Amino acid sequence: MMTEKMFKELNQSELEKTIGGKNKDFLIVGPFDWFKKHQGKSQKHM
C-alpha cells in the first residue's frame, strides 16, 4: 500500500519534472503501438 501511494505521487509530480514532452508522448503512445503490433501478430498466427 505504501508503494502504491509513492508510485502515484511519483507519477503525478516527479515524472512530469524528469520526463520531457516528447518522452511523455512516447510513453503514452509507445506501449499502445507495441500492443497493437503484438496483438496483430498473435491474431495472424491463430
Foldseek 3Di string as FASTA:
>chain_A
DVVVVVVVVCVPPVCPVVDDPVVVVCVVVVVVVVVVVVVVVVVVVD
